[in-house]
Amino acid sequence: MRKFVAVMMMTMLAVAMATAQGATTKPETKEAPSVAGAWSLTIESPHGAMVMKLNLKLDGKKLTGTMSNDMMGEHTVSGEVTDGKIMFRLTAEGPGDMEFNGKL
């Protein structure tokens, strides 16, 4: 009888420990991809491909930054990231307005 009680106690202890461990384990959460940082961007134009440097900062949904290359110089970009989509605009006198859209 003592052996049976000891086995039952060990089983109950093992179940209690497994339950407690499961309660403290945090579920894995997947972070949304971030677009912030330095990027290299190639734009196809009527005059051929233009390689641009793109630096983006993300504050909540608000997207800001700069886009530059040797030919165009540096220009400010602004836009937003919402519902897995990105949109930003560059407004400049020389190249004119450009809008970029994509999915994350």
C-alpha atoms as a PDB file:
ATOM      1  CA  MET A   1       0.000   0.000   0.000  1.00  0.00           C
ATOM      2  CA  ARG A   2       2.858   2.390   0.818  1.00  0.00           C
ATOM      3  CA  LYS A   3       4.378   1.725  -2.597  1.00  0.00           C
ATOM      4  CA  PHE A   4       1.044   2.597  -4.269  1.00  0.00           C
ATOM      5  CA  VAL A   5       0.758   5.859  -2.290  1.00  0.00           C
ATOM      6  CA  ALA A   6       4.358   6.780  -3.133  1.00  0.00           C
ATOM      7  CA  VAL A   7       3.761   6.159  -6.860  1.00  0.00           C
ATOM      8  CA  MET A   8       0.552   8.233  -6.748  1.00  0.00           C
ATOM      9  CA  MET A   9       2.371  11.083  -4.947  1.00  0.00           C
ATOM     10  CA  MET A  10       5.177  11.070  -7.535  1.00  0.00           C
ATOM     11  CA  THR A  11       2.652  11.052 -10.381  1.00  0.00           C
ATOM     12  CA  MET A  12       0.709  13.954  -8.873  1.00  0.00           C
ATOM     13  CA  LEU A  13       3.957  15.890  -8.330  1.00  0.00           C
ATOM     14  CA  ALA A  14       5.038  15.292 -11.943  1.00  0.00           C
ATOM     15  CA  VAL A  15       1.635  16.468 -13.247  1.00  0.00           C
ATOM     16  CA  ALA A  16       1.728  19.552 -11.004  1.00  0.00           C
ATOM     17  CA  MET A  17       5.247  20.457 -12.196  1.00  0.00           C
ATOM     18  CA  ALA A  18       4.321  19.990 -15.849  1.00  0.00           C
ATOM     19  CA  THR A  19       1.217  22.150 -15.381  1.00  0.00           C
ATOM     20  CA  ALA A  20       3.197  24.872 -13.594  1.00  0.00           C
ATOM     21  CA  GLN A  21       5.866  24.859 -16.297  1.00  0.00           C
ATOM     22  CA  GLY A  22       3.225  25.166 -19.003  1.00  0.00           C
ATOM     23  CA  ALA A  23       1.658  28.106 -17.180  1.00  0.00           C
ATOM     24  CA  THR A  24       4.929  30.040 -17.051  1.00  0.00           C
ATOM     25  CA  THR A  25       5.937  29.403 -20.663  1.00  0.00           C
ATOM     26  CA  LYS A  26       5.187  32.461 -22.775  1.00  0.00           C
ATOM     27  CA  PRO A  27       3.594  31.857 -26.155  1.00  0.00           C
ATOM     28  CA  GLU A  28       5.795  32.800 -29.090  1.00  0.00           C
ATOM     29  CA  THR A  29       4.782  36.071 -30.669  1.00  0.00           C
ATOM     30  CA  LYS A  30       5.764  36.993 -34.161  1.00  0.00           C
ATOM     31  CA  GLU A  31       6.939  40.563 -34.544  1.00  0.00           C
ATOM     32  CA  ALA A  32       5.848  42.531 -37.566  1.00  0.00           C
ATOM     33  CA  PRO A  33       8.642  43.076 -40.063  1.00  0.00           C
ATOM     34  CA  SER A  34      10.362  46.428 -39.706  1.00  0.00           C
ATOM     35  CA  VAL A  35      11.213  48.599 -42.675  1.00  0.00           C
ATOM     36  CA  ALA A  36      13.408  50.912 -40.597  1.00  0.00           C
ATOM     37  CA  GLY A  37      17.052  51.084 -41.580  1.00  0.00           C
ATOM     38  CA  ALA A  38      19.288  51.580 -44.604  1.00  0.00           C
ATOM     39  CA  TRP A  39      18.216  50.142 -47.944  1.00  0.00           C
ATOM     40  CA  SER A  40      19.523  50.046 -51.492  1.00  0.00           C
ATOM     41  CA  LEU A  41      16.770  50.746 -53.995  1.00  0.00           C
ATOM     42  CA  THR A  42      16.909  50.339 -57.781  1.00  0.00           C
ATOM     43  CA  ILE A  43      14.437  52.395 -59.794  1.00  0.00           C
ATOM     44  CA  GLU A  44      13.810  51.588 -63.447  1.00  0.00           C
ATOM     45  CA  SER A  45      13.529  54.840 -65.392  1.00  0.00           C
ATOM     46  CA  PRO A  46      13.306  55.743 -69.098  1.00  0.00           C
ATOM     47  CA  HIS A  47      17.064  56.485 -68.869  1.00  0.00           C
ATOM     48  CA  GLY A  48      17.914  53.124 -67.279  1.00  0.00           C
ATOM     49  CA  ALA A  49      18.267  51.809 -63.778  1.00  0.00           C
ATOM     50  CA  MET A  50      19.011  54.289 -60.960  1.00  0.00           C
ATOM     51  CA  VAL A  51      20.461  52.989 -57.713  1.00  0.00           C
ATOM     52  CA  MET A  52      19.290  54.989 -54.696  1.00  0.00           C
ATOM     53  CA  LYS A  53      20.147  54.958 -50.997  1.00  0.00           C
ATOM     54  CA  LEU A  54      17.057  54.861 -48.814  1.00  0.00           C
ATOM     55  CA  ASN A  55      17.161  55.478 -45.044  1.00  0.00           C
ATOM     56  CA  LEU A  56      13.888  54.969 -43.202  1.00  0.00           C
ATOM     57  CA  LYS A  57      12.697  55.591 -39.636  1.00  0.00           C
ATOM     58  CA  LEU A  58       9.451  54.153 -38.316  1.00  0.00           C
ATOM     59  CA  ASP A  59       7.524  55.741 -35.431  1.00  0.00           C
ATOM     60  CA  GLY A  60       4.312  53.775 -34.943  1.00  0.00           C
ATOM     61  CA  LYS A  61       2.706  53.913 -38.388  1.00  0.00           C
ATOM     62  CA  LYS A  62       4.557  57.073 -39.462  1.00  0.00           C
ATOM     63  CA  LEU A  63       7.440  56.541 -41.891  1.00  0.00           C
ATOM     64  CA  THR A  64      10.087  59.226 -42.527  1.00  0.00           C
ATOM     65  CA  GLY A  65      13.537  59.294 -44.032  1.00  0.00           C
ATOM     66  CA  THR A  66      15.719  60.249 -46.966  1.00  0.00           C
ATOM     67  CA  MET A  67      16.396  58.978 -50.466  1.00  0.00           C
ATOM     68  CA  SER A  68      19.568  59.941 -52.305  1.00  0.00           C
ATOM     69  CA  ASN A  69      22.054  59.249 -55.066  1.00  0.00           C
ATOM     70  CA  ASP A  70      24.918  61.189 -56.668  1.00  0.00           C
ATOM     71  CA  MET A  71      22.799  62.495 -59.542  1.00  0.00           C
ATOM     72  CA  MET A  72      19.666  63.603 -57.620  1.00  0.00           C
ATOM     73  CA  GLY A  73      21.159  64.529 -54.269  1.00  0.00           C
ATOM     74  CA  GLU A  74      19.231  63.887 -51.045  1.00  0.00           C
ATOM     75  CA  HIS A  75      15.459  64.255 -50.689  1.00  0.00           C
ATOM     76  CA  THR A  76      13.018  63.740 -47.826  1.00  0.00           C
ATOM     77  CA  VAL A  77      10.480  60.915 -47.959  1.00  0.00           C
ATOM     78  CA  SER A  78       7.393  60.416 -45.808  1.00  0.00           C
ATOM     79  CA  GLY A  79       4.629  57.858 -45.633  1.00  0.00           C
ATOM     80  CA  GLU A  80       3.145  55.134 -43.490  1.00  0.00           C
ATOM     81  CA  VAL A  81       3.062  51.428 -42.736  1.00  0.00           C
ATOM     82  CA  THR A  82      -0.422  50.007 -42.103  1.00  0.00           C
ATOM     83  CA  ASP A  83      -2.014  46.562 -42.302  1.00  0.00           C
ATOM     84  CA  GLY A  84       1.069  44.938 -43.824  1.00  0.00           C
ATOM     85  CA  LYS A  85       1.435  47.612 -46.515  1.00  0.00           C
ATOM     86  CA  ILE A  86       4.040  50.329 -46.995  1.00  0.00           C
ATOM     87  CA  MET A  87       3.626  53.627 -48.835  1.00  0.00           C
ATOM     88  CA  PHE A  88       6.024  56.564 -49.026  1.00  0.00           C
ATOM     89  CA  ARG A  89       6.426  59.644 -51.234  1.00  0.00           C
ATOM     90  CA  LEU A  90       9.361  61.675 -52.425  1.00  0.00           C
ATOM     91  CA  THR A  91       8.621  65.234 -53.557  1.00  0.00           C
ATOM     92  CA  ALA A  92      11.370  67.050 -55.440  1.00  0.00           C
ATOM     93  CA  GLU A  93      11.611  69.715 -58.134  1.00  0.00           C
ATOM     94  CA  GLY A  94      14.130  67.900 -60.345  1.00  0.00           C
ATOM     95  CA  PRO A  95      12.785  64.368 -60.520  1.00  0.00           C
ATOM     96  CA  GLY A  96       9.230  65.367 -59.559  1.00  0.00           C
ATOM     97  CA  ASP A  97       6.958  63.453 -57.228  1.00  0.00           C
ATOM     98  CA  MET A  98       7.408  59.710 -56.776  1.00  0.00           C
ATOM     99  CA  GLU A  99       5.170  57.369 -54.795  1.00  0.00           C
ATOM    100  CA  PHE A 100       6.240  53.900 -53.714  1.00  0.00           C
ATOM    101  CA  ASN A 101       3.844  51.172 -52.564  1.00  0.00           C
ATOM    102  CA  GLY A 102       4.469  47.617 -51.422  1.00  0.00           C
ATOM    103  CA  LYS A 103       3.424  44.713 -49.210  1.00  0.00           C
ATOM    104  CA  LEU A 104       5.362  43.461 -46.212  1.00  0.00           C
END
